[in-house]
Amino acid sequence: MSDGAAAIPPGVIPINPPALSFHTTQPEQFQQLFQDHFYVACEDNCTIREFLCEQMHVCGDYTQRRVQTVFLNGHPVDDIDTARITAGDTVALSSAMPGLMGAMMRTNSPFKQMRDTISLKDDARQEDAPGRQCLVRMRLFNFLAKELAGLFVDNGFYIETDAFQHFVDRHTPDLEQVLLDRDPIPWPWNVAPNAPMIFVKRTVAPER
């Protein structure tokens, strides 16, 4: 973490973090970052289906065809209508992974008994209505990182400042009209070194 940056408790949405906005026609440039991790706001205690479909807008035919594997805090999920997300949880999504291991991890896999010891079990979380907004950690694996990149850069996401700085330093994404809190920042970007997290979002490019 950068010097002078105070830690934010897990699952808590930062208050007025620095906002980085930009334009790009290549959101897939962020797929490496999305495979590693990023954060999004969601309603505490919602089901995974509610989270994906109603809040992230990842739903319908795409979810059925492409989101073949779901992990909640490292545990394979078989029922996204009952598994619930709370503040600080990690949700990982993947398309079909290869081999027997990949087949075992798929949602409602015919081989799910083979990974019973690590599957998500029914827990004591109450089936109350979703509540306050919280922060959850996300990871997108293989094809989903590329396919959903545009959606998440348009929705906006949170990321530790150091992690984002490391990403742009290593990958030099092709971004235009880069603003930090509405002020242009020159290359090489020095992204809010005194803030623990930033909010990142693609904006519509102005007409030329």
C-alpha atoms as a PDB file:
ATOM      1  CA  MET A   1       0.000   0.000   0.000  1.00  0.00           C
ATOM      2  CA  SER A   2       1.228   3.511  -0.784  1.00  0.00           C
ATOM      3  CA  ASP A   3       2.719   5.635   1.998  1.00  0.00           C
ATOM      4  CA  GLY A   4       0.078   7.704   3.732  1.00  0.00           C
ATOM      5  CA  ALA A   5      -2.850   5.574   2.555  1.00  0.00           C
ATOM      6  CA  ALA A   6      -5.112   4.309   5.316  1.00  0.00           C
ATOM      7  CA  ALA A   7      -6.444   0.781   4.969  1.00  0.00           C
ATOM      8  CA  ILE A   8     -10.132   0.256   4.194  1.00  0.00           C
ATOM      9  CA  PRO A   9     -11.849  -2.624   6.065  1.00  0.00           C
ATOM     10  CA  PRO A  10     -12.798  -5.580   3.803  1.00  0.00           C
ATOM     11  CA  GLY A  11     -16.242  -5.254   2.286  1.00  0.00           C
ATOM     12  CA  VAL A  12     -16.580  -1.520   2.999  1.00  0.00           C
ATOM     13  CA  ILE A  13     -17.141   0.798   0.056  1.00  0.00           C
ATOM     14  CA  PRO A  14     -14.587   3.632   0.214  1.00  0.00           C
ATOM     15  CA  ILE A  15     -16.040   7.103   0.728  1.00  0.00           C
ATOM     16  CA  ASN A  16     -15.371   9.461  -2.186  1.00  0.00           C
ATOM     17  CA  PRO A  17     -12.308   7.649  -3.554  1.00  0.00           C
ATOM     18  CA  PRO A  18     -10.349   9.277  -6.382  1.00  0.00           C
ATOM     19  CA  ALA A  19     -12.158   8.585  -9.665  1.00  0.00           C
ATOM     20  CA  LEU A  20     -10.184   7.669 -12.775  1.00  0.00           C
ATOM     21  CA  SER A  21     -12.080   8.012 -16.036  1.00  0.00           C
ATOM     22  CA  PHE A  22     -10.938   7.354 -19.578  1.00  0.00           C
ATOM     23  CA  HIS A  23     -12.043   6.322 -23.022  1.00  0.00           C
ATOM     24  CA  THR A  24     -10.927   3.207 -24.861  1.00  0.00           C
ATOM     25  CA  THR A  25     -12.260   1.066 -27.681  1.00  0.00           C
ATOM     26  CA  GLN A  26     -10.288  -1.890 -26.306  1.00  0.00           C
ATOM     27  CA  PRO A  27     -11.708  -2.811 -22.884  1.00  0.00           C
ATOM     28  CA  GLU A  28     -10.188  -6.273 -23.250  1.00  0.00           C
ATOM     29  CA  GLN A  29      -6.903  -4.619 -22.281  1.00  0.00           C
ATOM     30  CA  PHE A  30      -8.121  -4.998 -18.701  1.00  0.00           C
ATOM     31  CA  GLN A  31      -8.532  -8.759 -18.828  1.00  0.00           C
ATOM     32  CA  GLN A  32      -5.263  -9.395 -16.964  1.00  0.00           C
ATOM     33  CA  LEU A  33      -6.407  -7.114 -14.158  1.00  0.00           C
ATOM     34  CA  PHE A  34      -9.842  -8.762 -14.051  1.00  0.00           C
ATOM     35  CA  GLN A  35      -8.281 -12.224 -13.837  1.00  0.00           C
ATOM     36  CA  ASP A  36      -6.247 -11.105 -10.843  1.00  0.00           C
ATOM     37  CA  HIS A  37      -8.977  -9.245  -8.924  1.00  0.00           C
ATOM     38  CA  PHE A  38     -11.127  -6.135  -8.746  1.00  0.00           C
ATOM     39  CA  TYR A  39     -14.048  -4.972  -6.590  1.00  0.00           C
ATOM     40  CA  VAL A  40     -17.650  -4.029  -7.247  1.00  0.00           C
ATOM     41  CA  ALA A  41     -20.458  -2.690  -5.089  1.00  0.00           C
ATOM     42  CA  CYS A  42     -23.436  -4.932  -4.470  1.00  0.00           C
ATOM     43  CA  GLU A  43     -26.330  -5.400  -2.067  1.00  0.00           C
ATOM     44  CA  ASP A  44     -25.306  -7.289   1.044  1.00  0.00           C
ATOM     45  CA  ASN A  45     -26.909 -10.750   1.445  1.00  0.00           C
ATOM     46  CA  CYS A  46     -28.157 -11.028  -2.137  1.00  0.00           C
ATOM     47  CA  THR A  47     -28.069 -14.332  -4.008  1.00  0.00           C
ATOM     48  CA  ILE A  48     -25.452 -14.867  -6.686  1.00  0.00           C
ATOM     49  CA  ARG A  49     -28.165 -14.803  -9.355  1.00  0.00           C
ATOM     50  CA  GLU A  50     -29.481 -11.480  -8.040  1.00  0.00           C
ATOM     51  CA  PHE A  51     -25.938 -10.143  -7.965  1.00  0.00           C
ATOM     52  CA  LEU A  52     -25.110 -11.246 -11.513  1.00  0.00           C
ATOM     53  CA  CYS A  53     -28.401 -10.552 -13.250  1.00  0.00           C
ATOM     54  CA  GLU A  54     -30.001  -7.623 -11.460  1.00  0.00           C
ATOM     55  CA  GLN A  55     -26.895  -5.734 -10.363  1.00  0.00           C
ATOM     56  CA  MET A  56     -24.077  -6.656 -12.767  1.00  0.00           C
ATOM     57  CA  HIS A  57     -26.372  -7.275 -15.783  1.00  0.00           C
ATOM     58  CA  VAL A  58     -24.769 -10.645 -16.513  1.00  0.00           C
ATOM     59  CA  CYS A  59     -27.843 -12.765 -17.049  1.00  0.00           C
ATOM     60  CA  GLY A  60     -30.133 -14.670 -19.377  1.00  0.00           C
ATOM     61  CA  ASP A  61     -28.753 -16.813 -22.165  1.00  0.00           C
ATOM     62  CA  TYR A  62     -25.197 -15.588 -21.614  1.00  0.00           C
ATOM     63  CA  THR A  63     -25.155 -16.842 -18.023  1.00  0.00           C
ATOM     64  CA  GLN A  64     -26.534 -20.223 -19.067  1.00  0.00           C
ATOM     65  CA  ARG A  65     -24.087 -20.678 -21.939  1.00  0.00           C
ATOM     66  CA  ARG A  66     -20.886 -19.015 -20.804  1.00  0.00           C
ATOM     67  CA  VAL A  67     -20.775 -18.826 -16.984  1.00  0.00           C
ATOM     68  CA  GLN A  68     -20.149 -22.511 -16.429  1.00  0.00           C
ATOM     69  CA  THR A  69     -18.277 -22.321 -13.130  1.00  0.00           C
ATOM     70  CA  VAL A  70     -18.897 -20.126 -10.092  1.00  0.00           C
ATOM     71  CA  PHE A  71     -16.782 -19.971  -6.945  1.00  0.00           C
ATOM     72  CA  LEU A  72     -17.756 -18.232  -3.713  1.00  0.00           C
ATOM     73  CA  ASN A  73     -14.761 -17.767  -1.412  1.00  0.00           C
ATOM     74  CA  GLY A  74     -12.994 -20.581  -3.248  1.00  0.00           C
ATOM     75  CA  HIS A  75     -15.879 -23.066  -3.029  1.00  0.00           C
ATOM     76  CA  PRO A  76     -17.626 -24.340  -6.188  1.00  0.00           C
ATOM     77  CA  VAL A  77     -21.278 -23.252  -6.265  1.00  0.00           C
ATOM     78  CA  ASP A  78     -24.061 -25.499  -7.570  1.00  0.00           C
ATOM     79  CA  ASP A  79     -27.113 -23.334  -6.879  1.00  0.00           C
ATOM     80  CA  ILE A  80     -26.755 -19.628  -7.630  1.00  0.00           C
ATOM     81  CA  ASP A  81     -30.351 -19.078  -6.458  1.00  0.00           C
ATOM     82  CA  THR A  82     -29.547 -20.003  -2.854  1.00  0.00           C
ATOM     83  CA  ALA A  83     -25.858 -19.095  -2.427  1.00  0.00           C
ATOM     84  CA  ARG A  84     -25.666 -15.637  -0.845  1.00  0.00           C
ATOM     85  CA  ILE A  85     -23.013 -12.952  -0.994  1.00  0.00           C
ATOM     86  CA  THR A  86     -22.018 -10.819   1.978  1.00  0.00           C
ATOM     87  CA  ALA A  87     -19.537  -7.991   2.468  1.00  0.00           C
ATOM     88  CA  GLY A  88     -15.943  -8.958   1.747  1.00  0.00           C
ATOM     89  CA  ASP A  89     -16.765 -12.176  -0.132  1.00  0.00           C
ATOM     90  CA  THR A  90     -14.884 -13.205  -3.275  1.00  0.00           C
ATOM     91  CA  VAL A  91     -16.885 -14.251  -6.347  1.00  0.00           C
ATOM     92  CA  ALA A  92     -15.032 -15.902  -9.225  1.00  0.00           C
ATOM     93  CA  LEU A  93     -16.588 -16.718 -12.591  1.00  0.00           C
ATOM     94  CA  SER A  94     -15.278 -18.948 -15.337  1.00  0.00           C
ATOM     95  CA  SER A  95     -16.378 -20.413 -18.613  1.00  0.00           C
ATOM     96  CA  ALA A  96     -15.927 -24.159 -19.041  1.00  0.00           C
ATOM     97  CA  MET A  97     -12.495 -25.261 -17.858  1.00  0.00           C
ATOM     98  CA  PRO A  98     -10.764 -28.186 -19.590  1.00  0.00           C
ATOM     99  CA  GLY A  99     -10.240 -31.722 -18.375  1.00  0.00           C
ATOM    100  CA  LEU A 100     -11.813 -33.759 -15.620  1.00  0.00           C
ATOM    101  CA  MET A 101     -10.918 -31.163 -12.999  1.00  0.00           C
ATOM    102  CA  GLY A 102     -12.678 -28.488 -15.024  1.00  0.00           C
ATOM    103  CA  ALA A 103     -15.723 -30.723 -15.466  1.00  0.00           C
ATOM    104  CA  MET A 104     -15.842 -31.384 -11.730  1.00  0.00           C
ATOM    105  CA  MET A 105     -15.883 -27.672 -10.915  1.00  0.00           C
ATOM    106  CA  ARG A 106     -18.774 -26.767 -13.187  1.00  0.00           C
ATOM    107  CA  THR A 107     -22.070 -25.717 -11.660  1.00  0.00           C
ATOM    108  CA  ASN A 108     -24.291 -28.776 -11.149  1.00  0.00           C
ATOM    109  CA  SER A 109     -21.632 -31.006 -12.661  1.00  0.00           C
ATOM    110  CA  PRO A 110     -22.464 -34.722 -12.921  1.00  0.00           C
ATOM    111  CA  PHE A 111     -19.089 -35.201 -11.205  1.00  0.00           C
ATOM    112  CA  LYS A 112     -19.820 -32.850  -8.312  1.00  0.00           C
ATOM    113  CA  GLN A 113     -19.719 -35.674  -5.750  1.00  0.00           C
ATOM    114  CA  MET A 114     -16.008 -35.972  -6.505  1.00  0.00           C
ATOM    115  CA  ARG A 115     -15.428 -32.480  -5.083  1.00  0.00           C
ATOM    116  CA  ASP A 116     -18.004 -32.666  -2.298  1.00  0.00           C
ATOM    117  CA  THR A 117     -15.466 -31.752   0.397  1.00  0.00           C
ATOM    118  CA  ILE A 118     -14.809 -28.326  -1.189  1.00  0.00           C
ATOM    119  CA  SER A 119     -18.271 -27.520  -2.573  1.00  0.00           C
ATOM    120  CA  LEU A 120     -20.190 -24.635  -1.045  1.00  0.00           C
ATOM    121  CA  LYS A 121     -22.406 -25.977   1.731  1.00  0.00           C
ATOM    122  CA  ASP A 122     -25.623 -24.570   3.093  1.00  0.00           C
ATOM    123  CA  ASP A 123     -24.651 -22.068   5.731  1.00  0.00           C
ATOM    124  CA  ALA A 124     -26.329 -20.042   8.423  1.00  0.00           C
ATOM    125  CA  ARG A 125     -26.767 -16.905   6.355  1.00  0.00           C
ATOM    126  CA  GLN A 126     -30.281 -15.598   6.731  1.00  0.00           C
ATOM    127  CA  GLU A 127     -32.541 -15.425   3.714  1.00  0.00           C
ATOM    128  CA  ASP A 128     -33.466 -11.849   4.491  1.00  0.00           C
ATOM    129  CA  ALA A 129     -33.994  -9.287   1.794  1.00  0.00           C
ATOM    130  CA  PRO A 130     -30.769  -7.789   0.444  1.00  0.00           C
ATOM    131  CA  GLY A 131     -29.626  -4.849   2.528  1.00  0.00           C
ATOM    132  CA  ARG A 132     -26.975  -2.164   2.514  1.00  0.00           C
ATOM    133  CA  GLN A 133     -24.440  -1.694  -0.229  1.00  0.00           C
ATOM    134  CA  CYS A 134     -21.126  -3.448   0.328  1.00  0.00           C
ATOM    135  CA  LEU A 135     -17.981  -4.307  -1.568  1.00  0.00           C
ATOM    136  CA  VAL A 136     -17.197  -7.741  -2.994  1.00  0.00           C
ATOM    137  CA  ARG A 137     -14.033  -8.982  -4.627  1.00  0.00           C
ATOM    138  CA  MET A 138     -14.309 -10.454  -8.115  1.00  0.00           C
ATOM    139  CA  ARG A 139     -12.191 -12.546 -10.445  1.00  0.00           C
ATOM    140  CA  LEU A 140     -12.947 -13.450 -14.064  1.00  0.00           C
ATOM    141  CA  PHE A 141     -11.197 -16.451 -15.553  1.00  0.00           C
ATOM    142  CA  ASN A 142     -10.275 -17.380 -19.146  1.00  0.00           C
ATOM    143  CA  PHE A 143     -12.713 -16.166 -21.829  1.00  0.00           C
ATOM    144  CA  LEU A 144     -14.948 -14.292 -19.390  1.00  0.00           C
ATOM    145  CA  ALA A 145     -12.189 -11.814 -18.532  1.00  0.00           C
ATOM    146  CA  LYS A 146     -12.154 -10.685 -22.162  1.00  0.00           C
ATOM    147  CA  GLU A 147     -15.868 -11.021 -22.913  1.00  0.00           C
ATOM    148  CA  LEU A 148     -17.062  -9.140 -19.828  1.00  0.00           C
ATOM    149  CA  ALA A 149     -14.330  -6.510 -19.751  1.00  0.00           C
ATOM    150  CA  GLY A 150     -16.464  -3.934 -21.557  1.00  0.00           C
ATOM    151  CA  LEU A 151     -19.351  -4.442 -19.160  1.00  0.00           C
ATOM    152  CA  PHE A 152     -17.266  -3.937 -16.028  1.00  0.00           C
ATOM    153  CA  VAL A 153     -15.295  -0.930 -17.283  1.00  0.00           C
ATOM    154  CA  ASP A 154     -18.641   0.678 -18.189  1.00  0.00           C
ATOM    155  CA  ASN A 155     -20.228  -0.231 -14.841  1.00  0.00           C
ATOM    156  CA  GLY A 156     -17.132   0.973 -13.032  1.00  0.00           C
ATOM    157  CA  PHE A 157     -15.041  -0.907 -10.485  1.00  0.00           C
ATOM    158  CA  TYR A 158     -12.871  -0.345  -7.441  1.00  0.00           C
ATOM    159  CA  ILE A 159      -9.247  -1.420  -7.168  1.00  0.00           C
ATOM    160  CA  GLU A 160      -6.356  -0.842  -4.783  1.00  0.00           C
ATOM    161  CA  THR A 161      -4.316   2.101  -6.025  1.00  0.00           C
ATOM    162  CA  ASP A 162      -1.069   0.126  -5.900  1.00  0.00           C
ATOM    163  CA  ALA A 163      -2.600  -2.750  -7.869  1.00  0.00           C
ATOM    164  CA  PHE A 164      -3.870  -0.441 -10.603  1.00  0.00           C
ATOM    165  CA  GLN A 165      -0.577   1.440 -10.757  1.00  0.00           C
ATOM    166  CA  HIS A 166       1.272  -1.855 -11.110  1.00  0.00           C
ATOM    167  CA  PHE A 167      -1.105  -2.898 -13.891  1.00  0.00           C
ATOM    168  CA  VAL A 168      -0.701   0.284 -15.964  1.00  0.00           C
ATOM    169  CA  ASP A 169       3.069   0.313 -15.434  1.00  0.00           C
ATOM    170  CA  ARG A 170       3.389  -3.260 -16.729  1.00  0.00           C
ATOM    171  CA  HIS A 171       0.775  -3.300 -19.484  1.00  0.00           C
ATOM    172  CA  THR A 172       0.584   0.333 -20.647  1.00  0.00           C
ATOM    173  CA  PRO A 173      -3.072   0.196 -21.721  1.00  0.00           C
ATOM    174  CA  ASP A 174      -4.096   2.354 -24.680  1.00  0.00           C
ATOM    175  CA  LEU A 175      -6.380   4.882 -22.973  1.00  0.00           C
ATOM    176  CA  GLU A 176      -7.542   8.298 -24.137  1.00  0.00           C
ATOM    177  CA  GLN A 177      -8.821  11.357 -22.271  1.00  0.00           C
ATOM    178  CA  VAL A 178      -7.529  10.050 -18.931  1.00  0.00           C
ATOM    179  CA  LEU A 179      -8.882  12.129 -16.040  1.00  0.00           C
ATOM    180  CA  LEU A 180      -8.357  11.852 -12.304  1.00  0.00           C
ATOM    181  CA  ASP A 181     -11.231  13.552 -10.496  1.00  0.00           C
ATOM    182  CA  ARG A 182     -11.995  15.341 -13.795  1.00  0.00           C
ATOM    183  CA  ASP A 183      -8.477  16.724 -14.141  1.00  0.00           C
ATOM    184  CA  PRO A 184      -6.254  15.496 -17.009  1.00  0.00           C
ATOM    185  CA  ILE A 185      -3.215  13.530 -15.911  1.00  0.00           C
ATOM    186  CA  PRO A 186      -0.183  13.182 -18.183  1.00  0.00           C
ATOM    187  CA  TRP A 187       1.670  10.012 -19.031  1.00  0.00           C
ATOM    188  CA  PRO A 188       3.314   8.322 -17.168  1.00  0.00           C
ATOM    189  CA  TRP A 189       0.260   8.223 -14.909  1.00  0.00           C
ATOM    190  CA  ASN A 190       0.858   8.596 -11.194  1.00  0.00           C
ATOM    191  CA  VAL A 191      -2.491   7.408  -9.885  1.00  0.00           C
ATOM    192  CA  ALA A 192      -3.525   8.908  -6.520  1.00  0.00           C
ATOM    193  CA  PRO A 193      -0.523   7.661  -4.474  1.00  0.00           C
ATOM    194  CA  ASN A 194      -2.063   8.739  -1.153  1.00  0.00           C
ATOM    195  CA  ALA A 195      -5.385   6.910  -1.574  1.00  0.00           C
ATOM    196  CA  PRO A 196      -5.815   3.203  -0.741  1.00  0.00           C
ATOM    197  CA  MET A 197      -8.398   2.607  -3.494  1.00  0.00           C
ATOM    198  CA  ILE A 198      -9.660   4.293  -6.638  1.00  0.00           C
ATOM    199  CA  PHE A 199     -12.819   3.997  -8.713  1.00  0.00           C
ATOM    200  CA  VAL A 200     -12.228   3.276 -12.401  1.00  0.00           C
ATOM    201  CA  LYS A 201     -14.784   3.791 -15.165  1.00  0.00           C
ATOM    202  CA  ARG A 202     -14.876   4.187 -18.932  1.00  0.00           C
ATOM    203  CA  THR A 203     -16.625   7.293 -20.246  1.00  0.00           C
ATOM    204  CA  VAL A 204     -18.085   8.021 -23.647  1.00  0.00           C
ATOM    205  CA  ALA A 205     -15.590   9.732 -25.916  1.00  0.00           C
ATOM    206  CA  PRO A 206     -16.587  13.240 -27.021  1.00  0.00           C
ATOM    207  CA  GLU A 207     -17.458  13.690 -30.665  1.00  0.00           C
ATOM    208  CA  ARG A 208     -14.650  15.025 -32.805  1.00  0.00           C
END
